[in-house]
Amino acid sequence: MKKLLICIVSLLCTSMAHAQFEQNKWLIAPSISGFNLSYSGNDKSSIGFEAEGGVFLLDNFALLLNTGINIKQEGDDVTSLGVSARYYFDKVGFYIGSKFKYDQYDYSAKADKKDATIGVEVGYAYFLSRTVTIEPAVYYNQSLTDQHFSKIGVKLGFGFYF
């Protein structure tokens, strides 16, 4: 009986997840109550907040716009604006994403710097309800101008699918 119940619950969870990754569904993924802890040769450590939003152009494939801010220990902030894409593996919630973003480094003691990065992200969308997820992810962003601005990190956010 337990095995049957586990199978039924598993099937319900996978069908719920798949229904949210269909074409023309919308996704908003703020990290407002989540956080973005990272390490790079330039910052050492930082905490950041990010918001993404977009649409599923095809089943399991979403195109997103994103914006964010990183707050560093030294008080020098980084704001960013970019575009990303995610591919969700059918019916499970695992995704892989790529991102291109433009960063503005606002230094208090020296001249500001601009940078562009390309990145890759691997995460999981765990459904708390039919439309709300918690999304842990690991990412790497490669700087196109200075290796010290490349970054590896983990983040935790929420997703709203409608």
C-alpha atoms as a PDB file:
ATOM      1  CA  MET A   1       0.000   0.000   0.000  1.00  0.00           C
ATOM      2  CA  LYS A   2       2.836   2.403   0.851  1.00  0.00           C
ATOM      3  CA  LYS A   3       4.476   1.809  -2.530  1.00  0.00           C
ATOM      4  CA  LEU A   4       1.214   2.558  -4.341  1.00  0.00           C
ATOM      5  CA  LEU A   5       0.730   5.776  -2.365  1.00  0.00           C
ATOM      6  CA  ILE A   6       4.318   6.888  -3.088  1.00  0.00           C
ATOM      7  CA  CYS A   7       3.824   6.216  -6.816  1.00  0.00           C
ATOM      8  CA  ILE A   8       0.570   8.221  -6.910  1.00  0.00           C
ATOM      9  CA  VAL A   9       2.107  11.188  -5.060  1.00  0.00           C
ATOM     10  CA  SER A  10       5.158  11.098  -7.374  1.00  0.00           C
ATOM     11  CA  LEU A  11       2.972  11.108 -10.486  1.00  0.00           C
ATOM     12  CA  LEU A  12       0.890  14.016  -9.168  1.00  0.00           C
ATOM     13  CA  CYS A  13       4.007  16.059  -8.358  1.00  0.00           C
ATOM     14  CA  THR A  14       5.601  15.476 -11.754  1.00  0.00           C
ATOM     15  CA  SER A  15       2.410  16.311 -13.652  1.00  0.00           C
ATOM     16  CA  MET A  16       2.004  19.495 -11.586  1.00  0.00           C
ATOM     17  CA  ALA A  17       5.547  20.580 -12.402  1.00  0.00           C
ATOM     18  CA  HIS A  18       5.231  19.800 -16.097  1.00  0.00           C
ATOM     19  CA  ALA A  19       2.062  21.855 -16.454  1.00  0.00           C
ATOM     20  CA  GLN A  20       3.967  24.951 -15.353  1.00  0.00           C
ATOM     21  CA  PHE A  21       6.746  24.581 -17.968  1.00  0.00           C
ATOM     22  CA  GLU A  22       4.412  24.806 -20.988  1.00  0.00           C
ATOM     23  CA  GLN A  23       4.591  27.302 -23.838  1.00  0.00           C
ATOM     24  CA  ASN A  24       3.065  30.755 -23.121  1.00  0.00           C
ATOM     25  CA  LYS A  25       3.277  30.356 -19.325  1.00  0.00           C
ATOM     26  CA  TRP A  26       4.903  33.246 -17.435  1.00  0.00           C
ATOM     27  CA  LEU A  27       7.621  33.081 -14.800  1.00  0.00           C
ATOM     28  CA  ILE A  28       8.662  35.666 -12.207  1.00  0.00           C
ATOM     29  CA  ALA A  29      11.648  34.685 -10.047  1.00  0.00           C
ATOM     30  CA  PRO A  30      12.593  37.262  -7.414  1.00  0.00           C
ATOM     31  CA  SER A  31      15.353  36.616  -4.929  1.00  0.00           C
ATOM     32  CA  ILE A  32      13.990  39.273  -2.566  1.00  0.00           C
ATOM     33  CA  SER A  33      13.805  36.981   0.433  1.00  0.00           C
ATOM     34  CA  GLY A  34      16.452  34.737  -1.036  1.00  0.00           C
ATOM     35  CA  PHE A  35      20.097  35.616  -1.247  1.00  0.00           C
ATOM     36  CA  ASN A  36      22.992  35.319  -3.608  1.00  0.00           C
ATOM     37  CA  LEU A  37      26.243  34.461  -1.818  1.00  0.00           C
ATOM     38  CA  SER A  38      29.309  34.397  -4.012  1.00  0.00           C
ATOM     39  CA  TYR A  39      33.077  34.594  -4.158  1.00  0.00           C
ATOM     40  CA  SER A  40      35.387  36.188  -6.727  1.00  0.00           C
ATOM     41  CA  GLY A  41      39.001  37.395  -6.815  1.00  0.00           C
ATOM     42  CA  ASN A  42      37.816  41.003  -6.747  1.00  0.00           C
ATOM     43  CA  ASP A  43      35.020  41.076  -4.128  1.00  0.00           C
ATOM     44  CA  LYS A  44      35.980  38.236  -1.788  1.00  0.00           C
ATOM     45  CA  SER A  45      32.386  37.834  -0.587  1.00  0.00           C
ATOM     46  CA  SER A  46      29.127  39.608  -1.230  1.00  0.00           C
ATOM     47  CA  ILE A  47      25.376  39.282  -0.846  1.00  0.00           C
ATOM     48  CA  GLY A  48      23.037  40.136  -3.687  1.00  0.00           C
ATOM     49  CA  PHE A  49      19.409  40.384  -4.660  1.00  0.00           C
ATOM     50  CA  GLU A  50      18.044  39.610  -8.100  1.00  0.00           C
ATOM     51  CA  ALA A  51      14.712  39.565  -9.928  1.00  0.00           C
ATOM     52  CA  GLU A  52      13.966  37.762 -13.187  1.00  0.00           C
ATOM     53  CA  GLY A  53      10.836  37.593 -15.273  1.00  0.00           C
ATOM     54  CA  GLY A  54       9.929  36.107 -18.608  1.00  0.00           C
ATOM     55  CA  VAL A  55       7.875  33.727 -20.679  1.00  0.00           C
ATOM     56  CA  PHE A  56       8.125  30.124 -21.858  1.00  0.00           C
ATOM     57  CA  LEU A  57       8.630  30.437 -25.620  1.00  0.00           C
ATOM     58  CA  LEU A  58       8.459  26.648 -26.019  1.00  0.00           C
ATOM     59  CA  ASP A  59       7.628  23.835 -23.645  1.00  0.00           C
ATOM     60  CA  ASN A  60      10.441  23.683 -21.037  1.00  0.00           C
ATOM     61  CA  PHE A  61      12.317  26.706 -22.520  1.00  0.00           C
ATOM     62  CA  ALA A  62      12.009  30.167 -20.925  1.00  0.00           C
ATOM     63  CA  LEU A  63      13.487  33.520 -21.950  1.00  0.00           C
ATOM     64  CA  LEU A  64      13.969  35.966 -19.046  1.00  0.00           C
ATOM     65  CA  LEU A  65      15.018  39.548 -18.368  1.00  0.00           C
ATOM     66  CA  ASN A  66      16.855  40.159 -15.107  1.00  0.00           C
ATOM     67  CA  THR A  67      18.139  42.909 -12.877  1.00  0.00           C
ATOM     68  CA  GLY A  68      20.057  42.801  -9.629  1.00  0.00           C
ATOM     69  CA  ILE A  69      22.289  44.433  -7.063  1.00  0.00           C
ATOM     70  CA  ASN A  70      25.319  43.050  -5.192  1.00  0.00           C
ATOM     71  CA  ILE A  71      26.351  44.618  -1.915  1.00  0.00           C
ATOM     72  CA  LYS A  72      30.016  44.104  -1.068  1.00  0.00           C
ATOM     73  CA  GLN A  73      31.817  44.187   2.252  1.00  0.00           C
ATOM     74  CA  GLU A  74      33.741  47.322   1.275  1.00  0.00           C
ATOM     75  CA  GLY A  75      30.530  49.247   0.532  1.00  0.00           C
ATOM     76  CA  ASP A  76      31.068  49.286  -3.252  1.00  0.00           C
ATOM     77  CA  ASP A  77      27.862  48.161  -4.956  1.00  0.00           C
ATOM     78  CA  VAL A  78      27.325  46.436  -8.301  1.00  0.00           C
ATOM     79  CA  THR A  79      24.105  46.805 -10.291  1.00  0.00           C
ATOM     80  CA  SER A  80      23.306  44.575 -13.255  1.00  0.00           C
ATOM     81  CA  LEU A  81      20.877  44.203 -16.128  1.00  0.00           C
ATOM     82  CA  GLY A  82      20.723  41.224 -18.451  1.00  0.00           C
ATOM     83  CA  VAL A  83      18.923  38.502 -20.352  1.00  0.00           C
ATOM     84  CA  SER A  84      18.898  34.780 -19.643  1.00  0.00           C
ATOM     85  CA  ALA A  85      17.422  31.531 -20.895  1.00  0.00           C
ATOM     86  CA  ARG A  86      16.464  28.399 -18.977  1.00  0.00           C
ATOM     87  CA  TYR A  87      15.787  24.866 -20.121  1.00  0.00           C
ATOM     88  CA  TYR A  88      13.763  22.718 -17.708  1.00  0.00           C
ATOM     89  CA  PHE A  89      14.233  18.980 -17.979  1.00  0.00           C
ATOM     90  CA  ASP A  90      10.838  17.446 -18.644  1.00  0.00           C
ATOM     91  CA  LYS A  91       8.618  16.822 -15.592  1.00  0.00           C
ATOM     92  CA  VAL A  92      11.273  17.077 -12.849  1.00  0.00           C
ATOM     93  CA  GLY A  93      12.077  20.746 -12.130  1.00  0.00           C
ATOM     94  CA  PHE A  94      15.828  20.578 -12.768  1.00  0.00           C
ATOM     95  CA  TYR A  95      16.999  23.340 -15.086  1.00  0.00           C
ATOM     96  CA  ILE A  96      20.126  24.627 -16.746  1.00  0.00           C
ATOM     97  CA  GLY A  97      20.403  28.259 -17.729  1.00  0.00           C
ATOM     98  CA  SER A  98      22.685  30.692 -19.477  1.00  0.00           C
ATOM     99  CA  LYS A  99      22.920  34.409 -18.872  1.00  0.00           C
ATOM    100  CA  PHE A 100      24.412  37.518 -20.433  1.00  0.00           C
ATOM    101  CA  LYS A 101      24.488  40.594 -18.237  1.00  0.00           C
ATOM    102  CA  TYR A 102      25.943  44.066 -18.051  1.00  0.00           C
ATOM    103  CA  ASP A 103      27.401  45.116 -14.675  1.00  0.00           C
ATOM    104  CA  GLN A 104      28.054  48.627 -13.336  1.00  0.00           C
ATOM    105  CA  TYR A 105      30.583  48.712 -10.469  1.00  0.00           C
ATOM    106  CA  ASP A 106      30.081  51.802  -8.292  1.00  0.00           C
ATOM    107  CA  TYR A 107      33.291  52.336  -6.337  1.00  0.00           C
ATOM    108  CA  SER A 108      33.366  54.873  -3.532  1.00  0.00           C
ATOM    109  CA  ALA A 109      37.167  55.420  -3.564  1.00  0.00           C
ATOM    110  CA  LYS A 110      38.072  55.035  -7.266  1.00  0.00           C
ATOM    111  CA  ALA A 111      36.676  55.301 -10.788  1.00  0.00           C
ATOM    112  CA  ASP A 112      33.595  53.232 -11.645  1.00  0.00           C
ATOM    113  CA  LYS A 113      33.934  50.193 -13.906  1.00  0.00           C
ATOM    114  CA  LYS A 114      31.618  48.565 -16.426  1.00  0.00           C
ATOM    115  CA  ASP A 115      31.742  44.869 -17.269  1.00  0.00           C
ATOM    116  CA  ALA A 116      29.875  42.266 -19.289  1.00  0.00           C
ATOM    117  CA  THR A 117      29.588  38.646 -18.185  1.00  0.00           C
ATOM    118  CA  ILE A 118      28.316  35.398 -19.589  1.00  0.00           C
ATOM    119  CA  GLY A 119      27.269  32.697 -17.197  1.00  0.00           C
ATOM    120  CA  VAL A 120      25.835  29.279 -16.640  1.00  0.00           C
ATOM    121  CA  GLU A 121      23.463  28.197 -13.876  1.00  0.00           C
ATOM    122  CA  VAL A 122      22.165  24.828 -12.689  1.00  0.00           C
ATOM    123  CA  GLY A 123      19.186  24.724 -10.347  1.00  0.00           C
ATOM    124  CA  TYR A 124      16.045  23.023  -9.199  1.00  0.00           C
ATOM    125  CA  ALA A 125      12.489  24.370  -9.023  1.00  0.00           C
ATOM    126  CA  TYR A 126      10.876  22.680  -6.019  1.00  0.00           C
ATOM    127  CA  PHE A 127       7.105  23.253  -6.072  1.00  0.00           C
ATOM    128  CA  LEU A 128       5.658  24.392  -2.743  1.00  0.00           C
ATOM    129  CA  SER A 129       2.243  24.739  -4.408  1.00  0.00           C
ATOM    130  CA  ARG A 130       0.919  24.548  -7.959  1.00  0.00           C
ATOM    131  CA  THR A 131       2.420  27.937  -8.883  1.00  0.00           C
ATOM    132  CA  VAL A 132       5.094  28.762  -6.257  1.00  0.00           C
ATOM    133  CA  THR A 133       8.595  27.273  -6.138  1.00  0.00           C
ATOM    134  CA  ILE A 134      11.723  27.593  -4.087  1.00  0.00           C
ATOM    135  CA  GLU A 135      14.748  27.559  -6.408  1.00  0.00           C
ATOM    136  CA  PRO A 136      18.259  26.769  -5.156  1.00  0.00           C
ATOM    137  CA  ALA A 137      20.984  27.109  -7.813  1.00  0.00           C
ATOM    138  CA  VAL A 138      24.743  27.063  -8.380  1.00  0.00           C
ATOM    139  CA  TYR A 139      26.190  29.477 -10.953  1.00  0.00           C
ATOM    140  CA  TYR A 140      29.387  30.667 -12.622  1.00  0.00           C
ATOM    141  CA  ASN A 141      29.706  34.069 -14.347  1.00  0.00           C
ATOM    142  CA  GLN A 142      32.728  34.650 -16.603  1.00  0.00           C
ATOM    143  CA  SER A 143      33.834  38.260 -17.001  1.00  0.00           C
ATOM    144  CA  LEU A 144      34.568  39.355 -20.555  1.00  0.00           C
ATOM    145  CA  THR A 145      36.955  42.159 -19.481  1.00  0.00           C
ATOM    146  CA  ASP A 146      38.854  41.113 -16.328  1.00  0.00           C
ATOM    147  CA  GLN A 147      39.318  37.614 -14.862  1.00  0.00           C
ATOM    148  CA  HIS A 148      39.121  39.020 -11.308  1.00  0.00           C
ATOM    149  CA  PHE A 149      35.458  39.904 -11.901  1.00  0.00           C
ATOM    150  CA  SER A 150      34.495  36.276 -12.700  1.00  0.00           C
ATOM    151  CA  LYS A 151      32.292  34.805 -10.006  1.00  0.00           C
ATOM    152  CA  ILE A 152      31.130  31.439  -8.674  1.00  0.00           C
ATOM    153  CA  GLY A 153      28.319  31.172  -6.162  1.00  0.00           C
ATOM    154  CA  VAL A 154      25.069  29.728  -4.878  1.00  0.00           C
ATOM    155  CA  LYS A 155      21.696  31.400  -4.699  1.00  0.00           C
ATOM    156  CA  LEU A 156      18.248  30.749  -3.331  1.00  0.00           C
ATOM    157  CA  GLY A 157      15.127  32.331  -4.709  1.00  0.00           C
ATOM    158  CA  PHE A 158      11.433  31.878  -5.352  1.00  0.00           C
ATOM    159  CA  GLY A 159       9.552  31.305  -8.601  1.00  0.00           C
ATOM    160  CA  PHE A 160       5.981  32.235  -9.473  1.00  0.00           C
ATOM    161  CA  TYR A 161       4.529  30.418 -12.495  1.00  0.00           C
ATOM    162  CA  PHE A 162       1.271  31.539 -14.105  1.00  0.00           C
END
